[in-house]
Amino acid sequence: MIRGRKFTLEKVKITEVGPRDGLQNEKTILSTQDKFEFVNRLVESGAKHIELTSFVRKDRIPQMADAIELSAMVLPKYSSDVQFSCLTPNTKGYEAAKIAGFKEVAVFTATSESFTKKNINMTVMESFSSFQPIFDFAKTDGIKVRGYISTVVACPYEGKIQPEKTLEIAERLLDAGAYEISLGETIGVAVPDEIESLLEVLLKKIPSSFLNCHFHDTYGMAIANTKQALSMGIRSFDSSAGGLGGCPYAKGAAGNVATEDLVYFLTREGYDTGINLEELVKVSQFVESKLERNLNSRTYIAKKNVG
């Protein structure tokens, strides 16, 4: 440090999606108490943005059947310190989230007609019609809305997706009122050149402050893709503790980039995530014990073996 001068590390926002996007794709269903403990440990590690649950039909996604109960346990305890969000695919889910006390919700669509049909049994345009009322209600209620776009680079059914298609969907979400667009590289096949091509198109029309990258790690490219996105000004990323999750509609798709791997990388690169890596490793150790399967996070495995 130069004498008399302090350097402030540039902050990067990490949205921890493990409790929702991660657990939603796990075969083992955690108890509500275990989920509560999972979230407690995430908060203790320094996580400030956590996707907690999803208000969906219990028969469709039984992993999220306790959304109301979990929200009642978590939000009164941490709502002033942590920004919790939840997925609300329709107005019924939105109303439940509002009653539960959420100040941020998320809606989702995709670039691919085939994927959207498989995922939510709608066309892309029908998905917009279904969640437009959510934006309308949220404006009145003072609730923030985040927009997810799946298959931004490739689709398991339609193959390569042109960046212009992603731009079209992103602009529609922003025009509707989304404060941030999460760009889902759903099946984890992208390489940095493809992320560069995507962001070059988007950033001509959309400021980087409105964009978030949501990488999956099927081919081990998530951190390389993160580095590319960072170099182009993106400062918001999704991840899940231990690399939880996956995509049920994409054969072979691995989980989200592990939060440990992301925090390790960003910290070594000189960014401030606000998350303590050692505490985060303990979070994944807890989740691993409850899921009764080995987690794939490289950083978690390395730290566990050293310990």
C-alpha atoms as a PDB file:
ATOM      1  CA  MET A   1       0.000   0.000   0.000  1.00  0.00           C
ATOM      2  CA  ILE A   2       1.258   3.486  -0.892  1.00  0.00           C
ATOM      3  CA  ARG A   3       1.726   5.524   2.303  1.00  0.00           C
ATOM      4  CA  GLY A   4      -1.336   7.569   3.183  1.00  0.00           C
ATOM      5  CA  ARG A   5      -3.535   5.922   0.557  1.00  0.00           C
ATOM      6  CA  LYS A   6      -6.019   3.077   0.900  1.00  0.00           C
ATOM      7  CA  PHE A   7      -7.150   0.914  -1.967  1.00  0.00           C
ATOM      8  CA  THR A   8     -10.726  -0.334  -2.036  1.00  0.00           C
ATOM      9  CA  LEU A   9     -11.367  -3.632  -3.753  1.00  0.00           C
ATOM     10  CA  GLU A  10     -14.028  -3.582  -6.436  1.00  0.00           C
ATOM     11  CA  LYS A  11     -17.150  -5.385  -5.301  1.00  0.00           C
ATOM     12  CA  VAL A  12     -18.798  -8.239  -7.173  1.00  0.00           C
ATOM     13  CA  LYS A  13     -22.356  -9.260  -6.346  1.00  0.00           C
ATOM     14  CA  ILE A  14     -22.936 -12.981  -5.862  1.00  0.00           C
ATOM     15  CA  THR A  15     -26.489 -14.291  -5.742  1.00  0.00           C
ATOM     16  CA  GLU A  16     -26.532 -17.627  -3.921  1.00  0.00           C
ATOM     17  CA  VAL A  17     -29.107 -19.811  -5.690  1.00  0.00           C
ATOM     18  CA  GLY A  18     -28.429 -23.060  -3.856  1.00  0.00           C
ATOM     19  CA  PRO A  19     -31.542 -23.104  -1.646  1.00  0.00           C
ATOM     20  CA  ARG A  20     -33.807 -22.776  -4.700  1.00  0.00           C
ATOM     21  CA  ASP A  21     -32.184 -23.513  -8.045  1.00  0.00           C
ATOM     22  CA  GLY A  22     -29.743 -25.926  -6.439  1.00  0.00           C
ATOM     23  CA  LEU A  23     -32.013 -27.987  -4.197  1.00  0.00           C
ATOM     24  CA  GLN A  24     -34.832 -27.915  -6.739  1.00  0.00           C
ATOM     25  CA  ASN A  25     -32.829 -30.248  -8.956  1.00  0.00           C
ATOM     26  CA  GLU A  26     -31.650 -32.611  -6.225  1.00  0.00           C
ATOM     27  CA  LYS A  27     -33.303 -36.019  -5.828  1.00  0.00           C
ATOM     28  CA  THR A  28     -33.052 -35.891  -2.052  1.00  0.00           C
ATOM     29  CA  ILE A  29     -35.584 -33.541  -0.473  1.00  0.00           C
ATOM     30  CA  LEU A  30     -34.181 -31.714   2.531  1.00  0.00           C
ATOM     31  CA  SER A  31     -36.357 -31.082   5.561  1.00  0.00           C
ATOM     32  CA  THR A  32     -37.488 -27.521   6.202  1.00  0.00           C
ATOM     33  CA  GLN A  33     -35.261 -27.410   9.283  1.00  0.00           C
ATOM     34  CA  ASP A  34     -32.225 -28.487   7.264  1.00  0.00           C
ATOM     35  CA  LYS A  35     -32.974 -25.835   4.653  1.00  0.00           C
ATOM     36  CA  PHE A  36     -33.247 -23.267   7.429  1.00  0.00           C
ATOM     37  CA  GLU A  37     -29.863 -24.347   8.757  1.00  0.00           C
ATOM     38  CA  PHE A  38     -28.443 -24.197   5.226  1.00  0.00           C
ATOM     39  CA  VAL A  39     -29.587 -20.586   4.910  1.00  0.00           C
ATOM     40  CA  ASN A  40     -28.334 -19.689   8.403  1.00  0.00           C
ATOM     41  CA  ARG A  41     -24.883 -20.937   7.481  1.00  0.00           C
ATOM     42  CA  LEU A  42     -24.927 -19.087   4.169  1.00  0.00           C
ATOM     43  CA  VAL A  43     -25.715 -15.841   5.969  1.00  0.00           C
ATOM     44  CA  GLU A  44     -22.951 -16.500   8.486  1.00  0.00           C
ATOM     45  CA  SER A  45     -20.511 -16.958   5.598  1.00  0.00           C
ATOM     46  CA  GLY A  46     -21.368 -13.461   4.370  1.00  0.00           C
ATOM     47  CA  ALA A  47     -23.942 -14.111   1.642  1.00  0.00           C
ATOM     48  CA  LYS A  48     -26.123 -11.027   1.138  1.00  0.00           C
ATOM     49  CA  HIS A  49     -28.226 -12.099  -1.854  1.00  0.00           C
ATOM     50  CA  ILE A  50     -29.963 -15.461  -1.520  1.00  0.00           C
ATOM     51  CA  GLU A  51     -32.613 -17.077  -3.685  1.00  0.00           C
ATOM     52  CA  LEU A  52     -34.589 -18.827  -0.994  1.00  0.00           C
ATOM     53  CA  THR A  53     -37.381 -20.818  -2.597  1.00  0.00           C
ATOM     54  CA  SER A  54     -39.992 -21.070  -5.335  1.00  0.00           C
ATOM     55  CA  PHE A  55     -43.766 -20.700  -5.089  1.00  0.00           C
ATOM     56  CA  VAL A  56     -44.797 -23.441  -7.478  1.00  0.00           C
ATOM     57  CA  ARG A  57     -47.167 -26.397  -7.528  1.00  0.00           C
ATOM     58  CA  LYS A  58     -46.114 -28.978  -4.951  1.00  0.00           C
ATOM     59  CA  ASP A  59     -46.834 -31.867  -7.300  1.00  0.00           C
ATOM     60  CA  ARG A  60     -44.590 -30.367  -9.970  1.00  0.00           C
ATOM     61  CA  ILE A  61     -41.595 -29.539  -7.770  1.00  0.00           C
ATOM     62  CA  PRO A  62     -41.911 -31.311  -4.395  1.00  0.00           C
ATOM     63  CA  GLN A  63     -38.483 -30.023  -3.330  1.00  0.00           C
ATOM     64  CA  MET A  64     -40.080 -26.573  -2.938  1.00  0.00           C
ATOM     65  CA  ALA A  65     -43.309 -27.714  -1.259  1.00  0.00           C
ATOM     66  CA  ASP A  66     -42.406 -25.965   2.020  1.00  0.00           C
ATOM     67  CA  ALA A  67     -41.970 -22.482   0.530  1.00  0.00           C
ATOM     68  CA  ILE A  68     -44.432 -20.853   2.936  1.00  0.00           C
ATOM     69  CA  GLU A  69     -43.040 -22.600   6.021  1.00  0.00           C
ATOM     70  CA  LEU A  70     -39.403 -21.884   5.138  1.00  0.00           C
ATOM     71  CA  SER A  71     -40.106 -18.242   4.337  1.00  0.00           C
ATOM     72  CA  ALA A  72     -41.860 -17.818   7.693  1.00  0.00           C
ATOM     73  CA  MET A  73     -38.751 -19.110   9.455  1.00  0.00           C
ATOM     74  CA  VAL A  74     -36.169 -17.123   7.486  1.00  0.00           C
ATOM     75  CA  LEU A  75     -37.569 -13.725   6.533  1.00  0.00           C
ATOM     76  CA  PRO A  76     -38.381 -12.406  10.030  1.00  0.00           C
ATOM     77  CA  LYS A  77     -34.881 -13.301  11.177  1.00  0.00           C
ATOM     78  CA  TYR A  78     -32.785 -11.886   8.333  1.00  0.00           C
ATOM     79  CA  SER A  79     -34.902  -9.693   6.068  1.00  0.00           C
ATOM     80  CA  SER A  80     -33.205  -6.457   7.121  1.00  0.00           C
ATOM     81  CA  ASP A  81     -29.681  -7.797   6.541  1.00  0.00           C
ATOM     82  CA  VAL A  82     -30.035  -9.990   3.460  1.00  0.00           C
ATOM     83  CA  GLN A  83     -31.880  -9.580   0.167  1.00  0.00           C
ATOM     84  CA  PHE A  84     -33.948 -12.739  -0.228  1.00  0.00           C
ATOM     85  CA  SER A  85     -35.690 -13.541  -3.489  1.00  0.00           C
ATOM     86  CA  CYS A  86     -37.985 -16.283  -4.709  1.00  0.00           C
ATOM     87  CA  LEU A  87     -39.229 -17.619  -8.020  1.00  0.00           C
ATOM     88  CA  THR A  88     -42.843 -16.754  -8.906  1.00  0.00           C
ATOM     89  CA  PRO A  89     -43.981 -18.271 -12.213  1.00  0.00           C
ATOM     90  CA  ASN A  90     -47.506 -16.824 -12.043  1.00  0.00           C
ATOM     91  CA  THR A  91     -49.701 -14.386 -10.144  1.00  0.00           C
ATOM     92  CA  LYS A  92     -50.748 -17.016  -7.614  1.00  0.00           C
ATOM     93  CA  GLY A  93     -47.096 -17.553  -6.726  1.00  0.00           C
ATOM     94  CA  TYR A  94     -46.521 -13.803  -6.643  1.00  0.00           C
ATOM     95  CA  GLU A  95     -49.370 -13.255  -4.192  1.00  0.00           C
ATOM     96  CA  ALA A  96     -48.025 -15.996  -1.929  1.00  0.00           C
ATOM     97  CA  ALA A  97     -44.561 -14.423  -2.043  1.00  0.00           C
ATOM     98  CA  LYS A  98     -45.951 -10.994  -1.259  1.00  0.00           C
ATOM     99  CA  ILE A  99     -47.900 -12.334   1.729  1.00  0.00           C
ATOM    100  CA  ALA A 100     -44.755 -14.120   2.924  1.00  0.00           C
ATOM    101  CA  GLY A 101     -42.914 -10.795   2.953  1.00  0.00           C
ATOM    102  CA  PHE A 102     -40.559 -10.983  -0.022  1.00  0.00           C
ATOM    103  CA  LYS A 103     -39.280  -7.700  -1.432  1.00  0.00           C
ATOM    104  CA  GLU A 104     -37.815  -9.338  -4.535  1.00  0.00           C
ATOM    105  CA  VAL A 105     -39.251 -11.983  -6.858  1.00  0.00           C
ATOM    106  CA  ALA A 106     -38.053 -13.568 -10.079  1.00  0.00           C
ATOM    107  CA  VAL A 107     -39.746 -14.608 -13.300  1.00  0.00           C
ATOM    108  CA  PHE A 108     -38.290 -16.857 -15.975  1.00  0.00           C
ATOM    109  CA  THR A 109     -38.401 -17.523 -19.665  1.00  0.00           C
ATOM    110  CA  ALA A 110     -35.979 -18.749 -22.328  1.00  0.00           C
ATOM    111  CA  THR A 111     -34.717 -17.941 -25.798  1.00  0.00           C
ATOM    112  CA  SER A 112     -35.763 -21.364 -27.082  1.00  0.00           C
ATOM    113  CA  GLU A 113     -39.365 -22.251 -27.927  1.00  0.00           C
ATOM    114  CA  SER A 114     -38.638 -25.958 -27.470  1.00  0.00           C
ATOM    115  CA  PHE A 115     -37.057 -25.485 -24.060  1.00  0.00           C
ATOM    116  CA  THR A 116     -39.852 -23.197 -22.862  1.00  0.00           C
ATOM    117  CA  LYS A 117     -42.470 -25.686 -24.009  1.00  0.00           C
ATOM    118  CA  LYS A 118     -40.701 -28.511 -22.197  1.00  0.00           C
ATOM    119  CA  ASN A 119     -40.052 -26.467 -19.072  1.00  0.00           C
ATOM    120  CA  ILE A 120     -43.336 -24.602 -18.513  1.00  0.00           C
ATOM    121  CA  ASN A 121     -45.570 -25.829 -21.353  1.00  0.00           C
ATOM    122  CA  MET A 122     -45.760 -22.380 -22.964  1.00  0.00           C
ATOM    123  CA  THR A 123     -44.297 -20.568 -25.926  1.00  0.00           C
ATOM    124  CA  VAL A 124     -41.862 -17.754 -25.174  1.00  0.00           C
ATOM    125  CA  MET A 125     -44.529 -15.139 -25.901  1.00  0.00           C
ATOM    126  CA  GLU A 126     -47.054 -16.982 -23.740  1.00  0.00           C
ATOM    127  CA  SER A 127     -44.560 -16.898 -20.886  1.00  0.00           C
ATOM    128  CA  PHE A 128     -44.424 -13.108 -21.169  1.00  0.00           C
ATOM    129  CA  SER A 129     -48.207 -12.923 -21.054  1.00  0.00           C
ATOM    130  CA  SER A 130     -48.247 -15.087 -17.933  1.00  0.00           C
ATOM    131  CA  PHE A 131     -45.860 -12.941 -15.914  1.00  0.00           C
ATOM    132  CA  GLN A 132     -46.712  -9.446 -17.207  1.00  0.00           C
ATOM    133  CA  PRO A 133     -49.290  -9.052 -14.379  1.00  0.00           C
ATOM    134  CA  ILE A 134     -46.495  -9.787 -11.897  1.00  0.00           C
ATOM    135  CA  PHE A 135     -44.589  -6.746 -13.150  1.00  0.00           C
ATOM    136  CA  ASP A 136     -47.750  -4.656 -12.943  1.00  0.00           C
ATOM    137  CA  PHE A 137     -48.497  -5.714  -9.369  1.00  0.00           C
ATOM    138  CA  ALA A 138     -44.864  -5.400  -8.305  1.00  0.00           C
ATOM    139  CA  LYS A 139     -44.682  -1.757  -9.404  1.00  0.00           C
ATOM    140  CA  THR A 140     -47.646  -0.961  -7.169  1.00  0.00           C
ATOM    141  CA  ASP A 141     -46.369  -3.096  -4.294  1.00  0.00           C
ATOM    142  CA  GLY A 142     -42.793  -1.789  -4.381  1.00  0.00           C
ATOM    143  CA  ILE A 143     -41.349  -5.249  -5.039  1.00  0.00           C
ATOM    144  CA  LYS A 144     -38.301  -5.725  -7.257  1.00  0.00           C
ATOM    145  CA  VAL A 145     -38.493  -8.194 -10.148  1.00  0.00           C
ATOM    146  CA  ARG A 146     -35.550 -10.122 -11.550  1.00  0.00           C
ATOM    147  CA  GLY A 147     -35.767 -11.759 -14.957  1.00  0.00           C
ATOM    148  CA  TYR A 148     -34.200 -15.123 -15.779  1.00  0.00           C
ATOM    149  CA  ILE A 149     -33.446 -16.088 -19.373  1.00  0.00           C
ATOM    150  CA  SER A 150     -32.495 -19.727 -19.951  1.00  0.00           C
ATOM    151  CA  THR A 151     -30.550 -21.139 -22.922  1.00  0.00           C
ATOM    152  CA  VAL A 152     -28.782 -17.867 -23.762  1.00  0.00           C
ATOM    153  CA  VAL A 153     -26.010 -19.614 -25.714  1.00  0.00           C
ATOM    154  CA  ALA A 154     -27.347 -23.057 -26.577  1.00  0.00           C
ATOM    155  CA  CYS A 155     -30.456 -25.196 -26.186  1.00  0.00           C
ATOM    156  CA  PRO A 156     -30.499 -28.989 -25.702  1.00  0.00           C
ATOM    157  CA  TYR A 157     -33.201 -29.209 -28.405  1.00  0.00           C
ATOM    158  CA  GLU A 158     -32.472 -26.362 -30.822  1.00  0.00           C
ATOM    159  CA  GLY A 159     -28.705 -26.079 -30.583  1.00  0.00           C
ATOM    160  CA  LYS A 160     -26.903 -22.759 -31.003  1.00  0.00           C
ATOM    161  CA  ILE A 161     -28.836 -19.640 -30.011  1.00  0.00           C
ATOM    162  CA  GLN A 162     -28.047 -16.372 -31.749  1.00  0.00           C
ATOM    163  CA  PRO A 163     -27.134 -13.480 -29.390  1.00  0.00           C
ATOM    164  CA  GLU A 164     -29.758 -11.279 -31.061  1.00  0.00           C
ATOM    165  CA  LYS A 165     -32.478 -13.589 -29.754  1.00  0.00           C
ATOM    166  CA  THR A 166     -31.216 -13.215 -26.199  1.00  0.00           C
ATOM    167  CA  LEU A 167     -31.064  -9.439 -26.664  1.00  0.00           C
ATOM    168  CA  GLU A 168     -34.694  -9.397 -27.804  1.00  0.00           C
ATOM    169  CA  ILE A 169     -35.859 -11.294 -24.719  1.00  0.00           C
ATOM    170  CA  ALA A 170     -33.669  -9.244 -22.350  1.00  0.00           C
ATOM    171  CA  GLU A 171     -35.007  -5.950 -23.700  1.00  0.00           C
ATOM    172  CA  ARG A 172     -38.595  -7.147 -23.289  1.00  0.00           C
ATOM    173  CA  LEU A 173     -37.915  -8.043 -19.659  1.00  0.00           C
ATOM    174  CA  LEU A 174     -36.256  -4.706 -18.961  1.00  0.00           C
ATOM    175  CA  ASP A 175     -39.094  -2.818 -20.658  1.00  0.00           C
ATOM    176  CA  ALA A 176     -41.534  -4.727 -18.441  1.00  0.00           C
ATOM    177  CA  GLY A 177     -39.687  -3.547 -15.345  1.00  0.00           C
ATOM    178  CA  ALA A 178     -36.973  -6.089 -14.469  1.00  0.00           C
ATOM    179  CA  TYR A 179     -34.144  -4.520 -12.487  1.00  0.00           C
ATOM    180  CA  GLU A 180     -31.655  -7.244 -13.469  1.00  0.00           C
ATOM    181  CA  ILE A 181     -31.426  -9.923 -16.151  1.00  0.00           C
ATOM    182  CA  SER A 182     -29.851 -13.248 -15.213  1.00  0.00           C
ATOM    183  CA  LEU A 183     -28.350 -14.775 -18.356  1.00  0.00           C
ATOM    184  CA  GLY A 184     -28.660 -18.535 -17.920  1.00  0.00           C
ATOM    185  CA  GLU A 185     -26.069 -20.635 -19.732  1.00  0.00           C
ATOM    186  CA  THR A 186     -28.327 -23.531 -18.894  1.00  0.00           C
ATOM    187  CA  ILE A 187     -26.500 -26.579 -20.213  1.00  0.00           C
ATOM    188  CA  GLY A 188     -22.951 -25.428 -19.545  1.00  0.00           C
ATOM    189  CA  VAL A 189     -21.537 -25.866 -23.053  1.00  0.00           C
ATOM    190  CA  ALA A 190     -20.345 -22.303 -23.706  1.00  0.00           C
ATOM    191  CA  VAL A 191     -16.711 -21.245 -23.983  1.00  0.00           C
ATOM    192  CA  PRO A 192     -15.348 -17.705 -23.469  1.00  0.00           C
ATOM    193  CA  ASP A 193     -15.509 -16.773 -27.154  1.00  0.00           C
ATOM    194  CA  GLU A 194     -19.242 -17.493 -27.140  1.00  0.00           C
ATOM    195  CA  ILE A 195     -19.760 -15.447 -23.980  1.00  0.00           C
ATOM    196  CA  GLU A 196     -17.820 -12.621 -25.608  1.00  0.00           C
ATOM    197  CA  SER A 197     -20.033 -12.782 -28.709  1.00  0.00           C
ATOM    198  CA  LEU A 198     -23.177 -12.766 -26.573  1.00  0.00           C
ATOM    199  CA  LEU A 199     -22.128  -9.864 -24.380  1.00  0.00           C
ATOM    200  CA  GLU A 200     -20.837  -7.809 -27.312  1.00  0.00           C
ATOM    201  CA  VAL A 201     -24.370  -7.790 -28.721  1.00  0.00           C
ATOM    202  CA  LEU A 202     -26.121  -7.189 -25.398  1.00  0.00           C
ATOM    203  CA  LEU A 203     -23.805  -4.452 -24.151  1.00  0.00           C
ATOM    204  CA  LYS A 204     -24.419  -2.338 -27.239  1.00  0.00           C
ATOM    205  CA  LYS A 205     -27.988  -1.859 -26.019  1.00  0.00           C
ATOM    206  CA  ILE A 206     -27.980  -2.747 -22.297  1.00  0.00           C
ATOM    207  CA  PRO A 207     -25.655  -1.300 -19.610  1.00  0.00           C
ATOM    208  CA  SER A 208     -23.609  -3.942 -17.792  1.00  0.00           C
ATOM    209  CA  SER A 209     -25.195  -2.944 -14.468  1.00  0.00           C
ATOM    210  CA  PHE A 210     -28.453  -4.569 -15.609  1.00  0.00           C
ATOM    211  CA  LEU A 211     -26.841  -7.915 -16.461  1.00  0.00           C
ATOM    212  CA  ASN A 212     -25.960 -10.966 -14.383  1.00  0.00           C
ATOM    213  CA  CYS A 213     -24.327 -14.187 -15.578  1.00  0.00           C
ATOM    214  CA  HIS A 214     -25.611 -17.585 -14.481  1.00  0.00           C
ATOM    215  CA  PHE A 215     -23.112 -20.230 -15.576  1.00  0.00           C
ATOM    216  CA  HIS A 216     -23.344 -24.008 -15.320  1.00  0.00           C
ATOM    217  CA  ASP A 217     -20.168 -26.059 -15.180  1.00  0.00           C
ATOM    218  CA  THR A 218     -20.865 -29.140 -17.307  1.00  0.00           C
ATOM    219  CA  TYR A 219     -17.559 -28.895 -19.184  1.00  0.00           C
ATOM    220  CA  GLY A 220     -15.612 -27.026 -16.504  1.00  0.00           C
ATOM    221  CA  MET A 221     -15.859 -23.720 -18.367  1.00  0.00           C
ATOM    222  CA  ALA A 222     -17.808 -21.686 -15.799  1.00  0.00           C
ATOM    223  CA  ILE A 223     -14.819 -19.889 -14.258  1.00  0.00           C
ATOM    224  CA  ALA A 224     -13.261 -19.193 -17.658  1.00  0.00           C
ATOM    225  CA  ASN A 225     -16.591 -17.760 -18.772  1.00  0.00           C
ATOM    226  CA  THR A 226     -16.755 -15.699 -15.585  1.00  0.00           C
ATOM    227  CA  LYS A 227     -13.352 -14.229 -16.360  1.00  0.00           C
ATOM    228  CA  GLN A 228     -14.548 -13.275 -19.832  1.00  0.00           C
ATOM    229  CA  ALA A 229     -17.691 -11.644 -18.442  1.00  0.00           C
ATOM    230  CA  LEU A 230     -15.646  -9.752 -15.845  1.00  0.00           C
ATOM    231  CA  SER A 231     -13.362  -8.387 -18.548  1.00  0.00           C
ATOM    232  CA  MET A 232     -16.446  -6.944 -20.270  1.00  0.00           C
ATOM    233  CA  GLY A 233     -17.790  -5.216 -17.179  1.00  0.00           C
ATOM    234  CA  ILE A 234     -20.191  -7.739 -15.628  1.00  0.00           C
ATOM    235  CA  ARG A 235     -20.124  -7.521 -11.830  1.00  0.00           C
ATOM    236  CA  SER A 236     -23.036  -9.795 -10.865  1.00  0.00           C
ATOM    237  CA  PHE A 237     -23.034 -13.602 -10.902  1.00  0.00           C
ATOM    238  CA  ASP A 238     -25.196 -16.489  -9.712  1.00  0.00           C
ATOM    239  CA  SER A 239     -23.757 -19.585  -8.058  1.00  0.00           C
ATOM    240  CA  SER A 240     -24.729 -22.389  -5.700  1.00  0.00           C
ATOM    241  CA  ALA A 241     -22.863 -23.755  -2.701  1.00  0.00           C
ATOM    242  CA  GLY A 242     -21.111 -26.992  -3.597  1.00  0.00           C
ATOM    243  CA  GLY A 243     -22.207 -26.691  -7.226  1.00  0.00           C
ATOM    244  CA  LEU A 244     -25.730 -27.883  -6.421  1.00  0.00           C
ATOM    245  CA  GLY A 245     -28.305 -28.235  -9.141  1.00  0.00           C
ATOM    246  CA  GLY A 246     -28.458 -28.974 -12.823  1.00  0.00           C
ATOM    247  CA  CYS A 247     -31.060 -28.907 -15.549  1.00  0.00           C
ATOM    248  CA  PRO A 248     -33.639 -31.728 -15.691  1.00  0.00           C
ATOM    249  CA  TYR A 249     -34.343 -31.000 -19.369  1.00  0.00           C
ATOM    250  CA  ALA A 250     -30.719 -31.120 -20.530  1.00  0.00           C
ATOM    251  CA  LYS A 251     -29.112 -34.557 -20.536  1.00  0.00           C
ATOM    252  CA  GLY A 252     -25.718 -34.502 -18.829  1.00  0.00           C
ATOM    253  CA  ALA A 253     -25.948 -30.881 -17.683  1.00  0.00           C
ATOM    254  CA  ALA A 254     -24.007 -30.342 -14.470  1.00  0.00           C
ATOM    255  CA  GLY A 255     -24.890 -28.045 -11.617  1.00  0.00           C
ATOM    256  CA  ASN A 256     -24.398 -24.320 -11.233  1.00  0.00           C
ATOM    257  CA  VAL A 257     -20.903 -22.982 -10.840  1.00  0.00           C
ATOM    258  CA  ALA A 258     -19.957 -23.652  -7.217  1.00  0.00           C
ATOM    259  CA  THR A 259     -19.983 -20.601  -4.977  1.00  0.00           C
ATOM    260  CA  GLU A 260     -16.687 -21.760  -3.442  1.00  0.00           C
ATOM    261  CA  ASP A 261     -15.024 -21.859  -6.865  1.00  0.00           C
ATOM    262  CA  LEU A 262     -16.420 -18.451  -7.747  1.00  0.00           C
ATOM    263  CA  VAL A 263     -15.374 -16.868  -4.436  1.00  0.00           C
ATOM    264  CA  TYR A 264     -11.900 -18.420  -4.631  1.00  0.00           C
ATOM    265  CA  PHE A 265     -11.416 -17.138  -8.170  1.00  0.00           C
ATOM    266  CA  LEU A 266     -12.750 -13.642  -7.558  1.00  0.00           C
ATOM    267  CA  THR A 267     -10.794 -13.208  -4.336  1.00  0.00           C
ATOM    268  CA  ARG A 268      -7.533 -14.289  -5.982  1.00  0.00           C
ATOM    269  CA  GLU A 269      -8.299 -11.898  -8.835  1.00  0.00           C
ATOM    270  CA  GLY A 270      -8.579  -9.033  -6.347  1.00  0.00           C
ATOM    271  CA  TYR A 271     -12.349  -8.569  -6.071  1.00  0.00           C
ATOM    272  CA  ASP A 272     -14.434  -8.212  -2.918  1.00  0.00           C
ATOM    273  CA  THR A 273     -17.311 -10.706  -2.650  1.00  0.00           C
ATOM    274  CA  GLY A 274     -18.041 -10.183   1.044  1.00  0.00           C
ATOM    275  CA  ILE A 275     -18.096 -13.973   1.498  1.00  0.00           C
ATOM    276  CA  ASN A 276     -15.711 -15.879   3.766  1.00  0.00           C
ATOM    277  CA  LEU A 277     -14.403 -18.900   1.876  1.00  0.00           C
ATOM    278  CA  GLU A 278     -13.598 -20.989   4.951  1.00  0.00           C
ATOM    279  CA  GLU A 279     -17.117 -20.540   6.316  1.00  0.00           C
ATOM    280  CA  LEU A 280     -18.581 -21.288   2.906  1.00  0.00           C
ATOM    281  CA  VAL A 281     -16.733 -24.604   2.798  1.00  0.00           C
ATOM    282  CA  LYS A 282     -18.462 -25.518   6.064  1.00  0.00           C
ATOM    283  CA  VAL A 283     -21.812 -24.726   4.438  1.00  0.00           C
ATOM    284  CA  SER A 284     -21.153 -27.198   1.638  1.00  0.00           C
ATOM    285  CA  GLN A 285     -19.939 -29.795   4.105  1.00  0.00           C
ATOM    286  CA  PHE A 286     -23.265 -29.499   5.915  1.00  0.00           C
ATOM    287  CA  VAL A 287     -25.300 -29.789   2.699  1.00  0.00           C
ATOM    288  CA  GLU A 288     -23.219 -32.732   1.500  1.00  0.00           C
ATOM    289  CA  SER A 289     -24.001 -34.603   4.719  1.00  0.00           C
ATOM    290  CA  LYS A 290     -27.727 -34.025   4.251  1.00  0.00           C
ATOM    291  CA  LEU A 291     -27.851 -34.937   0.560  1.00  0.00           C
ATOM    292  CA  GLU A 292     -25.720 -38.029   1.169  1.00  0.00           C
ATOM    293  CA  ARG A 293     -23.825 -37.568  -2.071  1.00  0.00           C
ATOM    294  CA  ASN A 294     -20.448 -36.085  -2.935  1.00  0.00           C
ATOM    295  CA  LEU A 295     -20.415 -32.477  -4.092  1.00  0.00           C
ATOM    296  CA  ASN A 296     -18.366 -31.520  -7.143  1.00  0.00           C
ATOM    297  CA  SER A 297     -16.963 -28.136  -6.158  1.00  0.00           C
ATOM    298  CA  ARG A 298     -13.229 -28.211  -6.853  1.00  0.00           C
ATOM    299  CA  THR A 299     -12.469 -25.702  -4.115  1.00  0.00           C
ATOM    300  CA  TYR A 300     -14.609 -27.564  -1.608  1.00  0.00           C
ATOM    301  CA  ILE A 301     -12.874 -30.865  -2.408  1.00  0.00           C
ATOM    302  CA  ALA A 302      -9.430 -29.265  -2.158  1.00  0.00           C
ATOM    303  CA  LYS A 303     -10.204 -27.565   1.155  1.00  0.00           C
ATOM    304  CA  LYS A 304     -11.840 -30.678   2.582  1.00  0.00           C
ATOM    305  CA  ASN A 305      -8.879 -32.868   1.659  1.00  0.00           C
ATOM    306  CA  VAL A 306      -6.388 -30.400   3.122  1.00  0.00           C
ATOM    307  CA  GLY A 307      -8.487 -30.192   6.303  1.00  0.00           C
END
